[in-house]
Amino acid sequence: MANFLKWVDCPSPLLTAGVDEVGRGALFGPVVAAAVILPEGVLDDLAHSGVTDSKKLTEKRRCRLAAEIRAVALDCKVGMASVREIDRLNILQGSLLAMKRAVLKLNPRPELVLVDGNQQIRGLDIPQQTIVKGDSKCLAIAAASIVAKVWRDTLIMRLAKKYPVYDLTNNKGYGTKKHKQGIVDYGLSPQHRLSFSPCQPSLFSI
């Protein structure tokens, strides 16, 4: 457990949630956040199972760990911000909105929210602590990153059947060469983020 902060300088009686988002850099689809409350008694087991930053895990392992996290969490909720909300607010505010929605769904209500990154969630009347690179420092945030990643990837895989020309099965909405070529060849879908430069027709590039 040496690489993880259980409660980040807070007394253990505090009911603490970790929150993280995924899909921030994608061209396609919503940004998704998860909020997770873990009982202290499961932290060692989850660490030994390999819970860490979702980007460091294979797809198969993420799916297995997401199921394990959901099974032992006091609560685990997902929130998202739509493509149109991202275009209207910008991706940072969209990410924070997704985080807020995830946290507000939690039951019980946490007494402290550990937020990945350096930006607090606006309008959330729960004490917060931001942790830069929190998904590699804090077990609850790492767990949230895994749950959010698996949830979003599952959504994108469903959307890939509706929009097969963008190679979404492989890129999960991120701006790979095949994805950008699909935009050039077939135009944009309703799930593309128009505020992102590769999705602006005058700036199409591969």
N, C-alpha and C. Protein backbone atom coordinates (compact mmCIF):
# COMPACT_ATOMS: atom_id res chain seq x y z
N MET A 1 0.82 -1.22 0.00
CA MET A 1 0.00 0.00 0.00
C MET A 1 0.85 1.26 0.00
N ALA A 2 2.15 1.14 -0.06
CA ALA A 2 3.02 2.31 0.08
C ALA A 2 2.80 3.32 -1.02
N ASN A 3 2.34 2.88 -2.18
CA ASN A 3 2.18 3.80 -3.30
C ASN A 3 0.82 4.48 -3.31
N PHE A 4 -0.03 4.18 -2.33
CA PHE A 4 -1.37 4.74 -2.32
C PHE A 4 -1.63 5.49 -1.02
N LEU A 5 -2.39 6.57 -1.12
CA LEU A 5 -2.83 7.32 0.04
C LEU A 5 -4.24 6.87 0.40
N LYS A 6 -4.40 6.28 1.56
CA LYS A 6 -5.72 5.78 1.91
C LYS A 6 -6.71 6.92 2.11
N TRP A 7 -6.32 7.90 2.91
CA TRP A 7 -7.25 8.97 3.26
C TRP A 7 -6.65 10.35 3.04
N VAL A 8 -5.46 10.42 2.55
CA VAL A 8 -4.80 11.68 2.20
C VAL A 8 -4.86 12.68 3.34
N ASP A 9 -4.19 12.33 4.44
CA ASP A 9 -4.06 13.23 5.59
C ASP A 9 -5.38 13.54 6.28
N CYS A 10 -6.40 12.72 6.06
CA CYS A 10 -7.68 12.95 6.72
C CYS A 10 -7.96 11.79 7.68
N PRO A 11 -8.61 12.07 8.78
CA PRO A 11 -8.91 11.00 9.74
C PRO A 11 -9.74 9.91 9.08
N SER A 12 -9.46 8.66 9.40
CA SER A 12 -10.15 7.55 8.77
C SER A 12 -11.66 7.55 8.97
N PRO A 13 -12.21 8.14 10.06
CA PRO A 13 -13.68 8.14 10.17
C PRO A 13 -14.39 8.90 9.06
N LEU A 14 -13.69 9.78 8.34
CA LEU A 14 -14.35 10.49 7.25
C LEU A 14 -14.76 9.52 6.15
N LEU A 15 -15.99 9.67 5.68
CA LEU A 15 -16.47 8.88 4.55
C LEU A 15 -15.97 9.55 3.27
N THR A 16 -15.06 8.89 2.59
CA THR A 16 -14.30 9.51 1.51
C THR A 16 -14.61 8.87 0.17
N ALA A 17 -14.80 9.71 -0.85
CA ALA A 17 -15.02 9.23 -2.22
C ALA A 17 -13.86 9.68 -3.10
N GLY A 18 -13.47 8.82 -4.02
CA GLY A 18 -12.52 9.20 -5.07
C GLY A 18 -13.28 9.41 -6.36
N VAL A 19 -12.86 10.40 -7.16
CA VAL A 19 -13.54 10.68 -8.42
C VAL A 19 -12.51 10.95 -9.51
N ASP A 20 -12.78 10.42 -10.70
CA ASP A 20 -11.90 10.62 -11.84
C ASP A 20 -12.74 10.58 -13.11
N GLU A 21 -12.18 11.15 -14.19
CA GLU A 21 -12.88 11.15 -15.48
C GLU A 21 -12.04 10.49 -16.54
N VAL A 22 -12.71 10.08 -17.62
CA VAL A 22 -12.03 9.54 -18.80
C VAL A 22 -12.68 10.13 -20.05
N GLY A 23 -11.92 10.12 -21.13
CA GLY A 23 -12.44 10.59 -22.40
C GLY A 23 -12.24 12.07 -22.65
N ARG A 24 -11.40 12.69 -21.85
CA ARG A 24 -11.21 14.13 -21.98
C ARG A 24 -10.59 14.51 -23.33
N GLY A 25 -9.69 13.70 -23.84
CA GLY A 25 -9.01 14.03 -25.09
C GLY A 25 -9.64 13.45 -26.33
N ALA A 26 -10.76 12.77 -26.19
CA ALA A 26 -11.39 12.12 -27.34
C ALA A 26 -12.07 13.15 -28.25
N LEU A 27 -12.25 12.77 -29.50
CA LEU A 27 -12.99 13.60 -30.46
C LEU A 27 -14.47 13.24 -30.49
N PHE A 28 -14.80 12.07 -29.97
CA PHE A 28 -16.13 11.48 -30.15
C PHE A 28 -16.65 11.01 -28.81
N GLY A 29 -17.92 11.28 -28.53
CA GLY A 29 -18.58 10.74 -27.36
C GLY A 29 -18.45 11.60 -26.12
N PRO A 30 -19.20 11.25 -25.09
CA PRO A 30 -19.20 12.04 -23.85
C PRO A 30 -17.93 11.86 -23.06
N VAL A 31 -17.72 12.77 -22.12
CA VAL A 31 -16.71 12.57 -21.09
C VAL A 31 -17.43 11.92 -19.91
N VAL A 32 -16.79 10.92 -19.31
CA VAL A 32 -17.43 10.09 -18.29
C VAL A 32 -16.60 10.13 -17.02
N ALA A 33 -17.27 10.25 -15.89
CA ALA A 33 -16.61 10.22 -14.58
C ALA A 33 -17.23 9.14 -13.72
N ALA A 34 -16.44 8.62 -12.81
CA ALA A 34 -16.95 7.70 -11.79
C ALA A 34 -16.55 8.23 -10.42
N ALA A 35 -17.41 7.99 -9.45
CA ALA A 35 -17.14 8.31 -8.05
C ALA A 35 -17.30 7.03 -7.24
N VAL A 36 -16.33 6.75 -6.39
CA VAL A 36 -16.29 5.47 -5.67
C VAL A 36 -16.03 5.72 -4.19
N ILE A 37 -16.83 5.09 -3.35
CA ILE A 37 -16.57 5.07 -1.90
C ILE A 37 -16.15 3.65 -1.54
N LEU A 38 -14.94 3.50 -1.02
CA LEU A 38 -14.42 2.20 -0.65
C LEU A 38 -14.34 2.07 0.86
N PRO A 39 -14.83 0.98 1.44
CA PRO A 39 -14.61 0.75 2.86
C PRO A 39 -13.12 0.50 3.12
N GLU A 40 -12.63 0.98 4.22
CA GLU A 40 -11.20 0.89 4.50
C GLU A 40 -10.71 -0.56 4.50
N GLY A 41 -11.57 -1.47 4.89
CA GLY A 41 -11.17 -2.86 4.99
C GLY A 41 -10.84 -3.54 3.68
N VAL A 42 -11.20 -2.94 2.54
CA VAL A 42 -10.94 -3.59 1.25
C VAL A 42 -9.74 -2.99 0.53
N LEU A 43 -9.14 -1.95 1.08
CA LEU A 43 -8.09 -1.24 0.35
C LEU A 43 -6.87 -2.12 0.07
N ASP A 44 -6.43 -2.87 1.07
CA ASP A 44 -5.27 -3.73 0.85
C ASP A 44 -5.55 -4.78 -0.21
N ASP A 45 -6.75 -5.38 -0.15
CA ASP A 45 -7.09 -6.41 -1.13
C ASP A 45 -7.11 -5.84 -2.54
N LEU A 46 -7.68 -4.64 -2.70
CA LEU A 46 -7.73 -4.04 -4.03
C LEU A 46 -6.34 -3.67 -4.53
N ALA A 47 -5.50 -3.18 -3.63
CA ALA A 47 -4.13 -2.87 -4.03
C ALA A 47 -3.40 -4.13 -4.48
N HIS A 48 -3.60 -5.22 -3.74
CA HIS A 48 -2.94 -6.47 -4.11
C HIS A 48 -3.51 -7.04 -5.41
N SER A 49 -4.76 -6.71 -5.71
CA SER A 49 -5.36 -7.16 -6.97
C SER A 49 -4.83 -6.39 -8.17
N GLY A 50 -4.17 -5.25 -7.90
CA GLY A 50 -3.57 -4.49 -9.00
C GLY A 50 -4.29 -3.22 -9.37
N VAL A 51 -5.18 -2.71 -8.52
CA VAL A 51 -5.86 -1.46 -8.82
C VAL A 51 -4.85 -0.34 -8.91
N THR A 52 -4.85 0.35 -10.04
CA THR A 52 -3.95 1.46 -10.28
C THR A 52 -4.57 2.31 -11.40
N ASP A 53 -3.85 3.30 -11.86
CA ASP A 53 -4.28 4.14 -12.97
C ASP A 53 -4.76 3.26 -14.12
N SER A 54 -5.98 3.50 -14.60
CA SER A 54 -6.57 2.64 -15.63
C SER A 54 -5.73 2.59 -16.90
N LYS A 55 -4.98 3.65 -17.18
CA LYS A 55 -4.17 3.70 -18.40
C LYS A 55 -3.02 2.70 -18.36
N LYS A 56 -2.69 2.21 -17.18
CA LYS A 56 -1.58 1.26 -17.03
C LYS A 56 -2.04 -0.19 -17.11
N LEU A 57 -3.33 -0.42 -17.34
CA LEU A 57 -3.89 -1.76 -17.30
C LEU A 57 -4.38 -2.20 -18.69
N THR A 58 -4.35 -3.49 -18.92
CA THR A 58 -4.94 -4.01 -20.15
C THR A 58 -6.46 -3.96 -20.06
N GLU A 59 -7.11 -4.04 -21.20
CA GLU A 59 -8.57 -4.01 -21.22
C GLU A 59 -9.16 -5.15 -20.40
N LYS A 60 -8.61 -6.32 -20.55
CA LYS A 60 -9.13 -7.48 -19.82
C LYS A 60 -9.00 -7.29 -18.31
N ARG A 61 -7.86 -6.77 -17.88
CA ARG A 61 -7.65 -6.58 -16.45
C ARG A 61 -8.53 -5.46 -15.90
N ARG A 62 -8.70 -4.39 -16.70
CA ARG A 62 -9.60 -3.31 -16.26
C ARG A 62 -11.00 -3.85 -16.01
N CYS A 63 -11.50 -4.67 -16.93
CA CYS A 63 -12.86 -5.20 -16.79
C CYS A 63 -12.99 -6.06 -15.53
N ARG A 64 -11.98 -6.88 -15.29
CA ARG A 64 -12.02 -7.72 -14.09
C ARG A 64 -11.99 -6.88 -12.83
N LEU A 65 -11.11 -5.88 -12.80
CA LEU A 65 -11.00 -5.04 -11.62
C LEU A 65 -12.23 -4.17 -11.41
N ALA A 66 -12.83 -3.69 -12.50
CA ALA A 66 -14.06 -2.89 -12.37
C ALA A 66 -15.15 -3.70 -11.69
N ALA A 67 -15.28 -4.96 -12.05
CA ALA A 67 -16.28 -5.82 -11.41
C ALA A 67 -15.96 -6.03 -9.94
N GLU A 68 -14.67 -6.20 -9.61
CA GLU A 68 -14.27 -6.39 -8.22
C GLU A 68 -14.52 -5.12 -7.41
N ILE A 69 -14.22 -3.97 -7.99
CA ILE A 69 -14.45 -2.69 -7.29
C ILE A 69 -15.92 -2.50 -7.00
N ARG A 70 -16.76 -2.73 -7.99
CA ARG A 70 -18.21 -2.58 -7.80
C ARG A 70 -18.74 -3.53 -6.73
N ALA A 71 -18.15 -4.72 -6.65
CA ALA A 71 -18.63 -5.72 -5.70
C ALA A 71 -18.34 -5.33 -4.25
N VAL A 72 -17.24 -4.61 -4.01
CA VAL A 72 -16.85 -4.32 -2.63
C VAL A 72 -17.08 -2.86 -2.23
N ALA A 73 -17.37 -1.98 -3.16
CA ALA A 73 -17.55 -0.56 -2.85
C ALA A 73 -18.81 -0.33 -2.01
N LEU A 74 -18.75 0.65 -1.12
CA LEU A 74 -19.97 1.07 -0.43
C LEU A 74 -20.95 1.65 -1.43
N ASP A 75 -20.42 2.39 -2.41
CA ASP A 75 -21.21 2.85 -3.53
C ASP A 75 -20.28 3.24 -4.66
N CYS A 76 -20.81 3.19 -5.85
CA CYS A 76 -20.04 3.50 -7.05
C CYS A 76 -21.02 4.02 -8.09
N LYS A 77 -20.81 5.25 -8.54
CA LYS A 77 -21.73 5.86 -9.49
C LYS A 77 -20.97 6.49 -10.65
N VAL A 78 -21.66 6.59 -11.78
CA VAL A 78 -21.10 7.16 -12.99
C VAL A 78 -21.90 8.40 -13.39
N GLY A 79 -21.20 9.42 -13.85
CA GLY A 79 -21.85 10.62 -14.40
C GLY A 79 -21.17 10.96 -15.71
N MET A 80 -21.85 11.69 -16.56
CA MET A 80 -21.22 12.08 -17.82
C MET A 80 -21.69 13.46 -18.24
N ALA A 81 -20.93 14.05 -19.14
CA ALA A 81 -21.32 15.29 -19.82
C ALA A 81 -21.36 14.99 -21.30
N SER A 82 -22.44 15.40 -21.94
CA SER A 82 -22.66 15.08 -23.34
C SER A 82 -21.74 15.88 -24.26
N VAL A 83 -21.69 15.44 -25.50
CA VAL A 83 -20.92 16.15 -26.51
C VAL A 83 -21.36 17.61 -26.61
N ARG A 84 -22.64 17.85 -26.61
CA ARG A 84 -23.14 19.23 -26.72
C ARG A 84 -22.77 20.05 -25.50
N GLU A 85 -22.79 19.44 -24.31
CA GLU A 85 -22.36 20.17 -23.11
C GLU A 85 -20.87 20.48 -23.17
N ILE A 86 -20.08 19.55 -23.67
CA ILE A 86 -18.65 19.81 -23.85
C ILE A 86 -18.43 20.98 -24.80
N ASP A 87 -19.15 20.99 -25.92
CA ASP A 87 -19.00 22.07 -26.90
C ASP A 87 -19.44 23.41 -26.32
N ARG A 88 -20.45 23.38 -25.46
CA ARG A 88 -20.97 24.64 -24.90
C ARG A 88 -20.10 25.16 -23.77
N LEU A 89 -19.60 24.26 -22.93
CA LEU A 89 -18.90 24.67 -21.71
C LEU A 89 -17.38 24.70 -21.86
N ASN A 90 -16.83 23.86 -22.65
CA ASN A 90 -15.43 23.50 -22.88
C ASN A 90 -15.15 22.18 -22.16
N ILE A 91 -14.08 21.50 -22.54
CA ILE A 91 -13.85 20.15 -22.04
C ILE A 91 -13.50 20.12 -20.56
N LEU A 92 -12.81 21.14 -20.04
CA LEU A 92 -12.52 21.15 -18.61
C LEU A 92 -13.80 21.21 -17.80
N GLN A 93 -14.67 22.16 -18.14
CA GLN A 93 -15.91 22.30 -17.39
C GLN A 93 -16.83 21.10 -17.60
N GLY A 94 -16.79 20.52 -18.80
CA GLY A 94 -17.56 19.31 -19.03
C GLY A 94 -17.08 18.16 -18.16
N SER A 95 -15.76 18.04 -18.01
CA SER A 95 -15.19 17.00 -17.16
C SER A 95 -15.60 17.19 -15.70
N LEU A 96 -15.54 18.42 -15.23
CA LEU A 96 -15.93 18.71 -13.85
C LEU A 96 -17.42 18.48 -13.64
N LEU A 97 -18.23 18.78 -14.66
CA LEU A 97 -19.67 18.53 -14.57
C LEU A 97 -19.95 17.03 -14.46
N ALA A 98 -19.26 16.23 -15.26
CA ALA A 98 -19.43 14.78 -15.16
C ALA A 98 -19.05 14.29 -13.77
N MET A 99 -17.95 14.81 -13.22
CA MET A 99 -17.53 14.43 -11.87
C MET A 99 -18.60 14.80 -10.85
N LYS A 100 -19.12 16.02 -10.96
CA LYS A 100 -20.15 16.47 -10.01
C LYS A 100 -21.37 15.56 -10.06
N ARG A 101 -21.79 15.21 -11.26
CA ARG A 101 -22.96 14.34 -11.39
C ARG A 101 -22.72 12.98 -10.77
N ALA A 102 -21.52 12.45 -10.94
CA ALA A 102 -21.21 11.15 -10.33
C ALA A 102 -21.24 11.24 -8.81
N VAL A 103 -20.62 12.27 -8.26
CA VAL A 103 -20.55 12.42 -6.81
C VAL A 103 -21.94 12.60 -6.21
N LEU A 104 -22.79 13.41 -6.85
CA LEU A 104 -24.12 13.69 -6.31
C LEU A 104 -25.04 12.48 -6.30
N LYS A 105 -24.71 11.46 -7.07
CA LYS A 105 -25.51 10.24 -7.08
C LYS A 105 -25.16 9.31 -5.93
N LEU A 106 -24.03 9.54 -5.28
CA LEU A 106 -23.56 8.60 -4.25
C LEU A 106 -24.49 8.54 -3.05
N ASN A 107 -24.68 7.36 -2.54
CA ASN A 107 -25.45 7.13 -1.33
C ASN A 107 -24.76 5.99 -0.56
N PRO A 108 -24.17 6.30 0.58
CA PRO A 108 -24.27 7.52 1.37
C PRO A 108 -23.47 8.68 0.77
N ARG A 109 -23.82 9.87 1.25
CA ARG A 109 -23.13 11.07 0.82
C ARG A 109 -21.74 11.13 1.46
N PRO A 110 -20.70 11.31 0.66
CA PRO A 110 -19.35 11.37 1.24
C PRO A 110 -19.12 12.64 2.04
N GLU A 111 -18.19 12.57 2.98
CA GLU A 111 -17.81 13.73 3.77
C GLU A 111 -16.59 14.44 3.18
N LEU A 112 -15.91 13.77 2.27
CA LEU A 112 -14.74 14.33 1.59
C LEU A 112 -14.66 13.71 0.21
N VAL A 113 -14.34 14.53 -0.79
CA VAL A 113 -14.17 14.05 -2.16
C VAL A 113 -12.73 14.29 -2.58
N LEU A 114 -12.07 13.23 -3.01
CA LEU A 114 -10.70 13.31 -3.53
C LEU A 114 -10.80 13.38 -5.05
N VAL A 115 -10.33 14.49 -5.62
CA VAL A 115 -10.52 14.78 -7.04
C VAL A 115 -9.20 14.65 -7.77
N ASP A 116 -9.20 13.86 -8.84
CA ASP A 116 -7.98 13.76 -9.65
C ASP A 116 -7.73 15.08 -10.36
N GLY A 117 -6.48 15.55 -10.32
CA GLY A 117 -6.12 16.79 -11.00
C GLY A 117 -5.94 17.94 -10.04
N ASN A 118 -6.00 19.16 -10.58
CA ASN A 118 -5.77 20.36 -9.76
C ASN A 118 -6.95 21.32 -9.75
N GLN A 119 -8.10 20.85 -10.21
CA GLN A 119 -9.29 21.70 -10.26
C GLN A 119 -10.39 21.13 -9.37
N GLN A 120 -10.90 21.96 -8.46
CA GLN A 120 -12.03 21.52 -7.66
C GLN A 120 -13.31 21.55 -8.48
N ILE A 121 -14.30 20.78 -8.03
CA ILE A 121 -15.59 20.69 -8.70
C ILE A 121 -16.46 21.86 -8.25
N ARG A 122 -16.87 22.69 -9.19
CA ARG A 122 -17.67 23.87 -8.86
C ARG A 122 -19.06 23.48 -8.37
N GLY A 123 -19.54 24.22 -7.37
CA GLY A 123 -20.91 24.05 -6.92
C GLY A 123 -21.16 22.78 -6.13
N LEU A 124 -20.12 22.13 -5.67
CA LEU A 124 -20.26 20.92 -4.87
C LEU A 124 -20.06 21.27 -3.41
N ASP A 125 -21.12 21.11 -2.60
CA ASP A 125 -21.05 21.54 -1.21
C ASP A 125 -20.54 20.43 -0.30
N ILE A 126 -19.49 19.78 -0.74
CA ILE A 126 -18.80 18.76 0.04
C ILE A 126 -17.32 19.13 0.02
N PRO A 127 -16.62 19.05 1.14
CA PRO A 127 -15.19 19.35 1.13
C PRO A 127 -14.46 18.50 0.09
N GLN A 128 -13.49 19.13 -0.58
CA GLN A 128 -12.74 18.47 -1.64
C GLN A 128 -11.24 18.62 -1.42
N GLN A 129 -10.52 17.65 -1.91
CA GLN A 129 -9.06 17.75 -1.97
C GLN A 129 -8.62 17.29 -3.35
N THR A 130 -7.92 18.15 -4.07
CA THR A 130 -7.42 17.79 -5.38
C THR A 130 -6.06 17.10 -5.23
N ILE A 131 -5.81 16.14 -6.10
CA ILE A 131 -4.55 15.39 -6.08
C ILE A 131 -4.06 15.25 -7.50
N VAL A 132 -3.00 15.95 -7.84
CA VAL A 132 -2.42 15.82 -9.17
C VAL A 132 -1.88 14.41 -9.35
N LYS A 133 -2.23 13.80 -10.48
CA LYS A 133 -1.88 12.39 -10.75
C LYS A 133 -2.46 11.49 -9.67
N GLY A 134 -3.64 11.84 -9.22
CA GLY A 134 -4.28 11.08 -8.15
C GLY A 134 -4.56 9.64 -8.50
N ASP A 135 -4.73 9.35 -9.81
CA ASP A 135 -5.02 7.96 -10.19
C ASP A 135 -3.82 7.04 -10.00
N SER A 136 -2.65 7.60 -9.74
CA SER A 136 -1.48 6.77 -9.42
C SER A 136 -1.02 6.95 -7.98
N LYS A 137 -1.77 7.73 -7.20
CA LYS A 137 -1.40 7.99 -5.81
C LYS A 137 -2.46 7.58 -4.80
N CYS A 138 -3.70 7.53 -5.23
CA CYS A 138 -4.81 7.32 -4.31
C CYS A 138 -5.67 6.17 -4.81
N LEU A 139 -5.89 5.17 -3.96
CA LEU A 139 -6.58 3.97 -4.39
C LEU A 139 -8.02 4.25 -4.81
N ALA A 140 -8.72 5.13 -4.09
CA ALA A 140 -10.11 5.42 -4.44
C ALA A 140 -10.20 6.11 -5.80
N ILE A 141 -9.27 7.00 -6.09
CA ILE A 141 -9.27 7.66 -7.40
C ILE A 141 -8.90 6.66 -8.49
N ALA A 142 -7.92 5.80 -8.23
CA ALA A 142 -7.56 4.77 -9.20
C ALA A 142 -8.75 3.87 -9.50
N ALA A 143 -9.49 3.50 -8.45
CA ALA A 143 -10.67 2.68 -8.65
C ALA A 143 -11.70 3.40 -9.52
N ALA A 144 -11.88 4.69 -9.26
CA ALA A 144 -12.81 5.47 -10.07
C ALA A 144 -12.37 5.54 -11.52
N SER A 145 -11.07 5.66 -11.74
CA SER A 145 -10.57 5.73 -13.12
C SER A 145 -10.86 4.44 -13.88
N ILE A 146 -10.75 3.31 -13.19
CA ILE A 146 -11.02 2.02 -13.83
C ILE A 146 -12.50 1.88 -14.16
N VAL A 147 -13.36 2.18 -13.20
CA VAL A 147 -14.80 2.07 -13.43
C VAL A 147 -15.24 2.98 -14.57
N ALA A 148 -14.74 4.23 -14.57
CA ALA A 148 -15.13 5.17 -15.62
C ALA A 148 -14.65 4.71 -16.98
N LYS A 149 -13.42 4.21 -17.06
CA LYS A 149 -12.86 3.75 -18.33
C LYS A 149 -13.65 2.59 -18.90
N VAL A 150 -13.96 1.60 -18.07
CA VAL A 150 -14.70 0.43 -18.55
C VAL A 150 -16.11 0.84 -18.99
N TRP A 151 -16.75 1.72 -18.22
CA TRP A 151 -18.10 2.17 -18.57
C TRP A 151 -18.10 2.91 -19.90
N ARG A 152 -17.14 3.83 -20.08
CA ARG A 152 -17.10 4.60 -21.32
C ARG A 152 -16.74 3.73 -22.52
N ASP A 153 -15.78 2.84 -22.34
CA ASP A 153 -15.40 1.96 -23.44
C ASP A 153 -16.59 1.09 -23.89
N THR A 154 -17.37 0.62 -22.92
CA THR A 154 -18.55 -0.18 -23.26
C THR A 154 -19.55 0.64 -24.07
N LEU A 155 -19.75 1.90 -23.68
CA LEU A 155 -20.63 2.79 -24.43
C LEU A 155 -20.11 3.01 -25.84
N ILE A 156 -18.82 3.29 -25.98
CA ILE A 156 -18.26 3.56 -27.31
C ILE A 156 -18.35 2.32 -28.20
N MET A 157 -18.18 1.14 -27.62
CA MET A 157 -18.31 -0.08 -28.41
C MET A 157 -19.73 -0.24 -28.95
N ARG A 158 -20.72 0.17 -28.18
CA ARG A 158 -22.09 0.13 -28.69
C ARG A 158 -22.29 1.14 -29.81
N LEU A 159 -21.74 2.34 -29.62
CA LEU A 159 -21.86 3.38 -30.64
C LEU A 159 -21.08 3.02 -31.91
N ALA A 160 -20.04 2.21 -31.77
CA ALA A 160 -19.24 1.81 -32.93
C ALA A 160 -20.08 1.04 -33.94
N LYS A 161 -21.10 0.32 -33.46
CA LYS A 161 -21.98 -0.42 -34.36
C LYS A 161 -22.84 0.53 -35.19
N LYS A 162 -23.17 1.67 -34.61
CA LYS A 162 -23.98 2.66 -35.31
C LYS A 162 -23.14 3.52 -36.24
N TYR A 163 -21.87 3.73 -35.86
CA TYR A 163 -20.97 4.60 -36.64
C TYR A 163 -19.69 3.82 -36.97
N PRO A 164 -19.78 2.85 -37.88
CA PRO A 164 -18.64 1.96 -38.12
C PRO A 164 -17.48 2.59 -38.90
N VAL A 165 -17.68 3.75 -39.51
CA VAL A 165 -16.66 4.29 -40.42
C VAL A 165 -15.51 4.98 -39.70
N TYR A 166 -15.60 5.13 -38.38
CA TYR A 166 -14.57 5.88 -37.64
C TYR A 166 -13.61 4.97 -36.87
N ASP A 167 -13.71 3.67 -37.02
CA ASP A 167 -12.81 2.73 -36.34
C ASP A 167 -12.87 2.88 -34.82
N LEU A 168 -14.06 3.13 -34.31
CA LEU A 168 -14.22 3.39 -32.88
C LEU A 168 -13.90 2.18 -32.02
N THR A 169 -14.09 0.99 -32.57
CA THR A 169 -13.78 -0.22 -31.82
C THR A 169 -12.33 -0.21 -31.35
N ASN A 170 -11.46 0.32 -32.18
CA ASN A 170 -10.05 0.34 -31.85
C ASN A 170 -9.60 1.63 -31.17
N ASN A 171 -10.20 2.78 -31.54
CA ASN A 171 -9.68 4.04 -31.00
C ASN A 171 -10.49 4.61 -29.85
N LYS A 172 -11.66 4.03 -29.58
CA LYS A 172 -12.52 4.47 -28.47
C LYS A 172 -12.84 5.97 -28.53
N GLY A 173 -12.84 6.53 -29.72
CA GLY A 173 -13.22 7.93 -29.88
C GLY A 173 -12.06 8.89 -29.94
N TYR A 174 -10.85 8.39 -29.74
CA TYR A 174 -9.67 9.27 -29.78
C TYR A 174 -9.24 9.51 -31.24
N GLY A 175 -8.41 10.51 -31.43
CA GLY A 175 -8.12 11.02 -32.77
C GLY A 175 -7.01 10.30 -33.49
N THR A 176 -7.18 9.03 -33.74
CA THR A 176 -6.20 8.27 -34.52
C THR A 176 -6.29 8.67 -36.00
N LYS A 177 -5.32 8.21 -36.77
CA LYS A 177 -5.31 8.52 -38.20
C LYS A 177 -6.55 7.98 -38.90
N LYS A 178 -6.94 6.74 -38.57
CA LYS A 178 -8.14 6.16 -39.18
C LYS A 178 -9.40 6.93 -38.81
N HIS A 179 -9.46 7.38 -37.57
CA HIS A 179 -10.63 8.15 -37.13
C HIS A 179 -10.71 9.47 -37.91
N LYS A 180 -9.60 10.16 -38.00
CA LYS A 180 -9.59 11.43 -38.72
C LYS A 180 -9.88 11.23 -40.20
N GLN A 181 -9.38 10.13 -40.76
CA GLN A 181 -9.67 9.85 -42.17
C GLN A 181 -11.16 9.58 -42.37
N GLY A 182 -11.78 8.91 -41.39
CA GLY A 182 -13.22 8.68 -41.46
C GLY A 182 -13.99 9.98 -41.45
N ILE A 183 -13.53 10.96 -40.68
CA ILE A 183 -14.18 12.27 -40.67
C ILE A 183 -14.05 12.93 -42.04
N VAL A 184 -12.86 12.85 -42.62
CA VAL A 184 -12.63 13.45 -43.95
C VAL A 184 -13.52 12.78 -44.99
N ASP A 185 -13.61 11.45 -44.94
CA ASP A 185 -14.32 10.70 -45.98
C ASP A 185 -15.83 10.73 -45.81
N TYR A 186 -16.31 10.73 -44.57
CA TYR A 186 -17.74 10.54 -44.33
C TYR A 186 -18.40 11.69 -43.57
N GLY A 187 -17.61 12.67 -43.14
CA GLY A 187 -18.17 13.76 -42.36
C GLY A 187 -18.31 13.41 -40.90
N LEU A 188 -18.98 14.28 -40.18
CA LEU A 188 -19.11 14.15 -38.73
C LEU A 188 -20.41 13.46 -38.34
N SER A 189 -20.37 12.80 -37.19
CA SER A 189 -21.58 12.22 -36.61
C SER A 189 -22.12 13.16 -35.54
N PRO A 190 -23.34 12.93 -35.06
CA PRO A 190 -23.85 13.75 -33.95
C PRO A 190 -23.08 13.59 -32.66
N GLN A 191 -22.20 12.59 -32.57
CA GLN A 191 -21.43 12.35 -31.36
C GLN A 191 -20.02 12.94 -31.42
N HIS A 192 -19.72 13.70 -32.47
CA HIS A 192 -18.40 14.34 -32.54
C HIS A 192 -18.43 15.69 -31.83
N ARG A 193 -17.30 16.03 -31.24
CA ARG A 193 -17.17 17.28 -30.49
C ARG A 193 -16.76 18.39 -31.46
N LEU A 194 -17.70 19.23 -31.80
CA LEU A 194 -17.47 20.26 -32.81
C LEU A 194 -16.48 21.31 -32.36
N SER A 195 -16.29 21.46 -31.06
CA SER A 195 -15.36 22.45 -30.54
C SER A 195 -13.90 22.00 -30.62
N PHE A 196 -13.68 20.74 -30.96
CA PHE A 196 -12.32 20.21 -31.11
C PHE A 196 -11.87 20.43 -32.54
N SER A 197 -10.67 20.94 -32.71
CA SER A 197 -10.24 21.38 -34.04
C SER A 197 -10.29 20.29 -35.11
N PRO A 198 -9.97 19.02 -34.83
CA PRO A 198 -10.05 18.02 -35.90
C PRO A 198 -11.48 17.80 -36.40
N CYS A 199 -12.47 18.28 -35.64
CA CYS A 199 -13.87 18.12 -36.03
C CYS A 199 -14.43 19.36 -36.72
N GLN A 200 -13.58 20.35 -36.95
CA GLN A 200 -14.02 21.54 -37.66
C GLN A 200 -13.64 21.40 -39.12
N PRO A 201 -14.63 21.40 -40.03
CA PRO A 201 -14.36 21.08 -41.44
C PRO A 201 -13.22 21.85 -42.07
N SER A 202 -13.05 23.11 -41.71
CA SER A 202 -12.01 23.91 -42.32
C SER A 202 -10.61 23.50 -41.86
N LEU A 203 -10.58 22.67 -40.79
CA LEU A 203 -9.29 22.27 -40.22
C LEU A 203 -9.06 20.77 -40.29
N PHE A 204 -9.86 20.07 -41.12
CA PHE A 204 -9.65 18.64 -41.24
C PHE A 204 -8.21 18.36 -41.60
N SER A 205 -7.61 17.42 -40.90
CA SER A 205 -6.23 17.05 -41.20
C SER A 205 -6.01 15.60 -40.83
N ILE A 206 -5.17 14.95 -41.55
CA ILE A 206 -4.82 13.57 -41.22
C ILE A 206 -3.30 13.44 -41.21
